[in-house]
Amino acid sequence: MNRAIGHMEAVRTMIEDDRDCSEVLVQIAAVRSAINNIGKIILEDHISHCLVDAVETGDEQVIRDLNDAIDKFVK
């Protein structure tokens, strides 16, 4: 999270300093990458814990909710 926040703060500073657009876009790509990594970590944790519990208890709603969340995350 701190990495994503740091990159976002850098974007704000770059815009305030009127930096070149291509440099800002590269920094935005770094923000996007950091956020995607956060999503990957959360997804792995969810699968390891919540999804395993849901399968063991037969809670199919958790699986449907995860599928919906993945659809929204990858868009």
PDB file of N, CA and C in Angstrom:
ATOM      1  N   MET A   1       0.826  -1.180   0.000  1.00  0.00           N
ATOM      2  CA  MET A   1       0.000   0.000   0.000  1.00  0.00           C
ATOM      3  C   MET A   1       0.876   1.253   0.000  1.00  0.00           C
ATOM      4  N   ASN A   2       1.923   1.209   0.801  1.00  0.00           N
ATOM      5  CA  ASN A   2       2.793   2.382   0.883  1.00  0.00           C
ATOM      6  C   ASN A   2       3.446   2.696  -0.459  1.00  0.00           C
ATOM      7  N   ARG A   3       3.780   1.645  -1.201  1.00  0.00           N
ATOM      8  CA  ARG A   3       4.392   1.865  -2.511  1.00  0.00           C
ATOM      9  C   ARG A   3       3.407   2.581  -3.444  1.00  0.00           C
ATOM     10  N   ALA A   4       2.159   2.119  -3.475  1.00  0.00           N
ATOM     11  CA  ALA A   4       1.150   2.745  -4.329  1.00  0.00           C
ATOM     12  C   ALA A   4       0.916   4.198  -3.910  1.00  0.00           C
ATOM     13  N   ILE A   5       0.838   4.427  -2.620  1.00  0.00           N
ATOM     14  CA  ILE A   5       0.626   5.786  -2.108  1.00  0.00           C
ATOM     15  C   ILE A   5       1.805   6.675  -2.477  1.00  0.00           C
ATOM     16  N   GLY A   6       3.009   6.142  -2.332  1.00  0.00           N
ATOM     17  CA  GLY A   6       4.203   6.912  -2.699  1.00  0.00           C
ATOM     18  C   GLY A   6       4.218   7.282  -4.164  1.00  0.00           C
ATOM     19  N   HIS A   7       3.831   6.341  -5.013  1.00  0.00           N
ATOM     20  CA  HIS A   7       3.776   6.625  -6.447  1.00  0.00           C
ATOM     21  C   HIS A   7       2.711   7.680  -6.754  1.00  0.00           C
ATOM     22  N   MET A   8       1.561   7.596  -6.079  1.00  0.00           N
ATOM     23  CA  MET A   8       0.505   8.586  -6.301  1.00  0.00           C
ATOM     24  C   MET A   8       0.959   9.974  -5.867  1.00  0.00           C
ATOM     25  N   GLU A   9       1.643  10.036  -4.747  1.00  0.00           N
ATOM     26  CA  GLU A   9       2.160  11.330  -4.294  1.00  0.00           C
ATOM     27  C   GLU A   9       3.177  11.880  -5.295  1.00  0.00           C
ATOM     28  N   ALA A  10       3.962  10.990  -5.880  1.00  0.00           N
ATOM     29  CA  ALA A  10       4.926  11.420  -6.900  1.00  0.00           C
ATOM     30  C   ALA A  10       4.206  11.971  -8.122  1.00  0.00           C
ATOM     31  N   VAL A  11       3.095  11.346  -8.507  1.00  0.00           N
ATOM     32  CA  VAL A  11       2.315  11.847  -9.649  1.00  0.00           C
ATOM     33  C   VAL A  11       1.815  13.255  -9.346  1.00  0.00           C
ATOM     34  N   ARG A  12       1.274  13.445  -8.152  1.00  0.00           N
ATOM     35  CA  ARG A  12       0.768  14.768  -7.784  1.00  0.00           C
ATOM     36  C   ARG A  12       1.881  15.811  -7.836  1.00  0.00           C
ATOM     37  N   THR A  13       3.028  15.481  -7.288  1.00  0.00           N
ATOM     38  CA  THR A  13       4.161  16.404  -7.290  1.00  0.00           C
ATOM     39  C   THR A  13       4.620  16.704  -8.712  1.00  0.00           C
ATOM     40  N   MET A  14       4.672  15.684  -9.538  1.00  0.00           N
ATOM     41  CA  MET A  14       5.096  15.877 -10.929  1.00  0.00           C
ATOM     42  C   MET A  14       4.142  16.808 -11.665  1.00  0.00           C
ATOM     43  N   ILE A  15       2.851  16.643 -11.435  1.00  0.00           N
ATOM     44  CA  ILE A  15       1.860  17.508 -12.089  1.00  0.00           C
ATOM     45  C   ILE A  15       1.995  18.937 -11.570  1.00  0.00           C
ATOM     46  N   GLU A  16       2.147  19.072 -10.249  1.00  0.00           N
ATOM     47  CA  GLU A  16       2.311  20.409  -9.668  1.00  0.00           C
ATOM     48  C   GLU A  16       3.575  21.090 -10.201  1.00  0.00           C
ATOM     49  N   ASP A  17       4.619  20.301 -10.458  1.00  0.00           N
ATOM     50  CA  ASP A  17       5.886  20.839 -10.973  1.00  0.00           C
ATOM     51  C   ASP A  17       5.883  20.986 -12.488  1.00  0.00           C
ATOM     52  N   ASP A  18       4.732  20.692 -13.109  1.00  0.00           N
ATOM     53  CA  ASP A  18       4.572  20.807 -14.564  1.00  0.00           C
ATOM     54  C   ASP A  18       5.604  19.969 -15.322  1.00  0.00           C
ATOM     55  N   ARG A  19       5.798  18.725 -14.845  1.00  0.00           N
ATOM     56  CA  ARG A  19       6.742  17.823 -15.490  1.00  0.00           C
ATOM     57  C   ARG A  19       6.177  17.330 -16.811  1.00  0.00           C
ATOM     58  N   ASP A  20       7.040  16.799 -17.631  1.00  0.00           N
ATOM     59  CA  ASP A  20       6.673  16.291 -18.942  1.00  0.00           C
ATOM     60  C   ASP A  20       5.610  15.191 -18.810  1.00  0.00           C
ATOM     61  N   CYS A  21       4.630  15.228 -19.704  1.00  0.00           N
ATOM     62  CA  CYS A  21       3.516  14.276 -19.650  1.00  0.00           C
ATOM     63  C   CYS A  21       3.992  12.825 -19.739  1.00  0.00           C
ATOM     64  N   SER A  22       4.994  12.579 -20.540  1.00  0.00           N
ATOM     65  CA  SER A  22       5.471  11.200 -20.679  1.00  0.00           C
ATOM     66  C   SER A  22       6.050  10.693 -19.356  1.00  0.00           C
ATOM     67  N   GLU A  23       6.705  11.540 -18.599  1.00  0.00           N
ATOM     68  CA  GLU A  23       7.231  11.153 -17.290  1.00  0.00           C
ATOM     69  C   GLU A  23       6.086  10.853 -16.321  1.00  0.00           C
ATOM     70  N   VAL A  24       5.051  11.666 -16.378  1.00  0.00           N
ATOM     71  CA  VAL A  24       3.889  11.446 -15.507  1.00  0.00           C
ATOM     72  C   VAL A  24       3.214  10.129 -15.862  1.00  0.00           C
ATOM     73  N   LEU A  25       3.098   9.840 -17.149  1.00  0.00           N
ATOM     74  CA  LEU A  25       2.466   8.589 -17.564  1.00  0.00           C
ATOM     75  C   LEU A  25       3.257   7.375 -17.100  1.00  0.00           C
ATOM     76  N   VAL A  26       4.577   7.458 -17.130  1.00  0.00           N
ATOM     77  CA  VAL A  26       5.406   6.365 -16.623  1.00  0.00           C
ATOM     78  C   VAL A  26       5.146   6.163 -15.132  1.00  0.00           C
ATOM     79  N   GLN A  27       5.010   7.255 -14.405  1.00  0.00           N
ATOM     80  CA  GLN A  27       4.741   7.162 -12.970  1.00  0.00           C
ATOM     81  C   GLN A  27       3.348   6.584 -12.718  1.00  0.00           C
ATOM     82  N   ILE A  28       2.396   6.937 -13.558  1.00  0.00           N
ATOM     83  CA  ILE A  28       1.045   6.367 -13.436  1.00  0.00           C
ATOM     84  C   ILE A  28       1.083   4.867 -13.688  1.00  0.00           C
ATOM     85  N   ALA A  29       1.917   4.425 -14.616  1.00  0.00           N
ATOM     86  CA  ALA A  29       2.075   2.989 -14.854  1.00  0.00           C
ATOM     87  C   ALA A  29       2.614   2.299 -13.598  1.00  0.00           C
ATOM     88  N   ALA A  30       3.501   2.974 -12.882  1.00  0.00           N
ATOM     89  CA  ALA A  30       4.022   2.418 -11.633  1.00  0.00           C
ATOM     90  C   ALA A  30       2.915   2.316 -10.581  1.00  0.00           C
ATOM     91  N   VAL A  31       2.032   3.306 -10.541  1.00  0.00           N
ATOM     92  CA  VAL A  31       0.885   3.266  -9.625  1.00  0.00           C
ATOM     93  C   VAL A  31       0.014   2.063  -9.953  1.00  0.00           C
ATOM     94  N   ARG A  32      -0.292   1.909 -11.223  1.00  0.00           N
ATOM     95  CA  ARG A  32      -1.151   0.800 -11.661  1.00  0.00           C
ATOM     96  C   ARG A  32      -0.525  -0.548 -11.283  1.00  0.00           C
ATOM     97  N   SER A  33       0.770  -0.680 -11.498  1.00  0.00           N
ATOM     98  CA  SER A  33       1.461  -1.924 -11.162  1.00  0.00           C
ATOM     99  C   SER A  33       1.401  -2.200  -9.661  1.00  0.00           C
ATOM    100  N   ALA A  34       1.622  -1.180  -8.858  1.00  0.00           N
ATOM    101  CA  ALA A  34       1.575  -1.340  -7.403  1.00  0.00           C
ATOM    102  C   ALA A  34       0.186  -1.762  -6.945  1.00  0.00           C
ATOM    103  N   ILE A  35      -0.839  -1.162  -7.527  1.00  0.00           N
ATOM    104  CA  ILE A  35      -2.219  -1.504  -7.160  1.00  0.00           C
ATOM    105  C   ILE A  35      -2.540  -2.937  -7.588  1.00  0.00           C
ATOM    106  N   ASN A  36      -2.093  -3.326  -8.770  1.00  0.00           N
ATOM    107  CA  ASN A  36      -2.313  -4.706  -9.214  1.00  0.00           C
ATOM    108  C   ASN A  36      -1.637  -5.700  -8.284  1.00  0.00           C
ATOM    109  N   ASN A  37      -0.453  -5.361  -7.797  1.00  0.00           N
ATOM    110  CA  ASN A  37       0.231  -6.246  -6.855  1.00  0.00           C
ATOM    111  C   ASN A  37      -0.531  -6.361  -5.540  1.00  0.00           C
ATOM    112  N   ILE A  38      -1.120  -5.256  -5.087  1.00  0.00           N
ATOM    113  CA  ILE A  38      -1.949  -5.296  -3.881  1.00  0.00           C
ATOM    114  C   ILE A  38      -3.131  -6.237  -4.108  1.00  0.00           C
ATOM    115  N   GLY A  39      -3.766  -6.107  -5.264  1.00  0.00           N
ATOM    116  CA  GLY A  39      -4.898  -6.977  -5.593  1.00  0.00           C
ATOM    117  C   GLY A  39      -4.502  -8.436  -5.614  1.00  0.00           C
ATOM    118  N   LYS A  40      -3.330  -8.728  -6.157  1.00  0.00           N
ATOM    119  CA  LYS A  40      -2.852 -10.108  -6.214  1.00  0.00           C
ATOM    120  C   LYS A  40      -2.651 -10.668  -4.811  1.00  0.00           C
ATOM    121  N   ILE A  41      -2.064  -9.881  -3.933  1.00  0.00           N
ATOM    122  CA  ILE A  41      -1.834 -10.322  -2.555  1.00  0.00           C
ATOM    123  C   ILE A  41      -3.162 -10.592  -1.844  1.00  0.00           C
ATOM    124  N   ILE A  42      -4.114  -9.688  -2.028  1.00  0.00           N
ATOM    125  CA  ILE A  42      -5.428  -9.854  -1.386  1.00  0.00           C
ATOM    126  C   ILE A  42      -6.135 -11.078  -1.949  1.00  0.00           C
ATOM    127  N   LEU A  43      -6.062 -11.273  -3.250  1.00  0.00           N
ATOM    128  CA  LEU A  43      -6.694 -12.438  -3.879  1.00  0.00           C
ATOM    129  C   LEU A  43      -6.076 -13.732  -3.363  1.00  0.00           C
ATOM    130  N   GLU A  44      -4.755 -13.796  -3.295  1.00  0.00           N
ATOM    131  CA  GLU A  44      -4.087 -14.998  -2.789  1.00  0.00           C
ATOM    132  C   GLU A  44      -4.507 -15.288  -1.353  1.00  0.00           C
ATOM    133  N   ASP A  45      -4.579 -14.249  -0.532  1.00  0.00           N
ATOM    134  CA  ASP A  45      -4.991 -14.424   0.857  1.00  0.00           C
ATOM    135  C   ASP A  45      -6.436 -14.905   0.941  1.00  0.00           C
ATOM    136  N   HIS A  46      -7.284 -14.326   0.112  1.00  0.00           N
ATOM    137  CA  HIS A  46      -8.696 -14.709   0.115  1.00  0.00           C
ATOM    138  C   HIS A  46      -8.853 -16.174  -0.289  1.00  0.00           C
ATOM    139  N   ILE A  47      -8.132 -16.579  -1.317  1.00  0.00           N
ATOM    140  CA  ILE A  47      -8.216 -17.974  -1.761  1.00  0.00           C
ATOM    141  C   ILE A  47      -7.709 -18.906  -0.662  1.00  0.00           C
ATOM    142  N   SER A  48      -6.603 -18.538  -0.035  1.00  0.00           N
ATOM    143  CA  SER A  48      -5.997 -19.392   0.991  1.00  0.00           C
ATOM    144  C   SER A  48      -6.861 -19.547   2.229  1.00  0.00           C
ATOM    145  N   HIS A  49      -7.634 -18.521   2.541  1.00  0.00           N
ATOM    146  CA  HIS A  49      -8.399 -18.571   3.786  1.00  0.00           C
ATOM    147  C   HIS A  49      -9.906 -18.666   3.550  1.00  0.00           C
ATOM    148  N   CYS A  50     -10.475 -17.635   3.015  1.00  0.00           N
ATOM    149  CA  CYS A  50     -11.938 -17.569   2.887  1.00  0.00           C
ATOM    150  C   CYS A  50     -12.487 -18.626   1.940  1.00  0.00           C
ATOM    151  N   LEU A  51     -11.829 -18.793   0.812  1.00  0.00           N
ATOM    152  CA  LEU A  51     -12.343 -19.737  -0.169  1.00  0.00           C
ATOM    153  C   LEU A  51     -12.204 -21.171   0.327  1.00  0.00           C
ATOM    154  N   VAL A  52     -11.125 -21.490   0.971  1.00  0.00           N
ATOM    155  CA  VAL A  52     -10.946 -22.826   1.530  1.00  0.00           C
ATOM    156  C   VAL A  52     -12.040 -23.114   2.554  1.00  0.00           C
ATOM    157  N   ASP A  53     -12.306 -22.157   3.426  1.00  0.00           N
ATOM    158  CA  ASP A  53     -13.368 -22.325   4.417  1.00  0.00           C
ATOM    159  C   ASP A  53     -14.727 -22.493   3.736  1.00  0.00           C
ATOM    160  N   ALA A  54     -14.963 -21.712   2.693  1.00  0.00           N
ATOM    161  CA  ALA A  54     -16.251 -21.784   1.991  1.00  0.00           C
ATOM    162  C   ALA A  54     -16.445 -23.147   1.338  1.00  0.00           C
ATOM    163  N   VAL A  55     -15.401 -23.690   0.742  1.00  0.00           N
ATOM    164  CA  VAL A  55     -15.498 -25.008   0.106  1.00  0.00           C
ATOM    165  C   VAL A  55     -15.766 -26.071   1.171  1.00  0.00           C
ATOM    166  N   GLU A  56     -15.071 -25.968   2.288  1.00  0.00           N
ATOM    167  CA  GLU A  56     -15.259 -26.952   3.366  1.00  0.00           C
ATOM    168  C   GLU A  56     -16.667 -26.916   3.944  1.00  0.00           C
ATOM    169  N   THR A  57     -17.285 -25.731   3.986  1.00  0.00           N
ATOM    170  CA  THR A  57     -18.634 -25.611   4.556  1.00  0.00           C
ATOM    171  C   THR A  57     -19.732 -25.641   3.492  1.00  0.00           C
ATOM    172  N   GLY A  58     -19.344 -25.692   2.218  1.00  0.00           N
ATOM    173  CA  GLY A  58     -20.330 -25.741   1.146  1.00  0.00           C
ATOM    174  C   GLY A  58     -20.971 -24.399   0.847  1.00  0.00           C
ATOM    175  N   ASP A  59     -20.324 -23.299   1.205  1.00  0.00           N
ATOM    176  CA  ASP A  59     -20.862 -21.949   0.999  1.00  0.00           C
ATOM    177  C   ASP A  59     -20.553 -21.493  -0.429  1.00  0.00           C
ATOM    178  N   GLU A  60     -21.498 -21.748  -1.324  1.00  0.00           N
ATOM    179  CA  GLU A  60     -21.287 -21.409  -2.732  1.00  0.00           C
ATOM    180  C   GLU A  60     -21.379 -19.908  -3.002  1.00  0.00           C
ATOM    181  N   GLN A  61     -22.012 -19.161  -2.116  1.00  0.00           N
ATOM    182  CA  GLN A  61     -22.123 -17.712  -2.295  1.00  0.00           C
ATOM    183  C   GLN A  61     -20.743 -17.056  -2.280  1.00  0.00           C
ATOM    184  N   VAL A  62     -19.845 -17.542  -1.445  1.00  0.00           N
ATOM    185  CA  VAL A  62     -18.488 -16.989  -1.378  1.00  0.00           C
ATOM    186  C   VAL A  62     -17.791 -17.160  -2.724  1.00  0.00           C
ATOM    187  N   ILE A  63     -18.002 -18.302  -3.356  1.00  0.00           N
ATOM    188  CA  ILE A  63     -17.393 -18.552  -4.667  1.00  0.00           C
ATOM    189  C   ILE A  63     -17.985 -17.611  -5.706  1.00  0.00           C
ATOM    190  N   ARG A  64     -19.294 -17.421  -5.692  1.00  0.00           N
ATOM    191  CA  ARG A  64     -19.930 -16.483  -6.631  1.00  0.00           C
ATOM    192  C   ARG A  64     -19.429 -15.060  -6.395  1.00  0.00           C
ATOM    193  N   ASP A  65     -19.322 -14.680  -5.125  1.00  0.00           N
ATOM    194  CA  ASP A  65     -18.823 -13.339  -4.794  1.00  0.00           C
ATOM    195  C   ASP A  65     -17.387 -13.153  -5.279  1.00  0.00           C
ATOM    196  N   LEU A  66     -16.569 -14.174  -5.127  1.00  0.00           N
ATOM    197  CA  LEU A  66     -15.186 -14.097  -5.593  1.00  0.00           C
ATOM    198  C   LEU A  66     -15.140 -13.950  -7.111  1.00  0.00           C
ATOM    199  N   ASN A  67     -15.948 -14.700  -7.816  1.00  0.00           N
ATOM    200  CA  ASN A  67     -16.000 -14.579  -9.278  1.00  0.00           C
ATOM    201  C   ASN A  67     -16.407 -13.173  -9.699  1.00  0.00           C
ATOM    202  N   ASP A  68     -17.390 -12.606  -9.020  1.00  0.00           N
ATOM    203  CA  ASP A  68     -17.812 -11.227  -9.327  1.00  0.00           C
ATOM    204  C   ASP A  68     -16.671 -10.237  -9.064  1.00  0.00           C
ATOM    205  N   ALA A  69     -15.999 -10.418  -7.941  1.00  0.00           N
ATOM    206  CA  ALA A  69     -14.889  -9.516  -7.597  1.00  0.00           C
ATOM    207  C   ALA A  69     -13.757  -9.623  -8.613  1.00  0.00           C
ATOM    208  N   ILE A  70     -13.437 -10.834  -9.040  1.00  0.00           N
ATOM    209  CA  ILE A  70     -12.380 -11.025 -10.042  1.00  0.00           C
ATOM    210  C   ILE A  70     -12.778 -10.357 -11.353  1.00  0.00           C
ATOM    211  N   ASP A  71     -14.025 -10.520 -11.761  1.00  0.00           N
ATOM    212  CA  ASP A  71     -14.492  -9.854 -12.997  1.00  0.00           C
ATOM    213  C   ASP A  71     -14.300  -8.355 -12.921  1.00  0.00           C
ATOM    214  N   LYS A  72     -14.636  -7.757 -11.797  1.00  0.00           N
ATOM    215  CA  LYS A  72     -14.494  -6.302 -11.640  1.00  0.00           C
ATOM    216  C   LYS A  72     -13.029  -5.894 -11.550  1.00  0.00           C
ATOM    217  N   PHE A  73     -12.209  -6.722 -10.918  1.00  0.00           N
ATOM    218  CA  PHE A  73     -10.788  -6.392 -10.745  1.00  0.00           C
ATOM    219  C   PHE A  73     -10.033  -6.398 -12.068  1.00  0.00           C
ATOM    220  N   VAL A  74     -10.353  -7.330 -12.940  1.00  0.00           N
ATOM    221  CA  VAL A  74      -9.594  -7.453 -14.187  1.00  0.00           C
ATOM    222  C   VAL A  74     -10.081  -6.506 -15.284  1.00  0.00           C
ATOM    223  N   LYS A  75     -11.170  -5.801 -15.081  1.00  0.00           N
ATOM    224  CA  LYS A  75     -11.664  -4.863 -16.091  1.00  0.00           C
ATOM    225  C   LYS A  75     -10.814  -3.627 -16.139  1.00  0.00           C
TER     226      LYS A  75
END
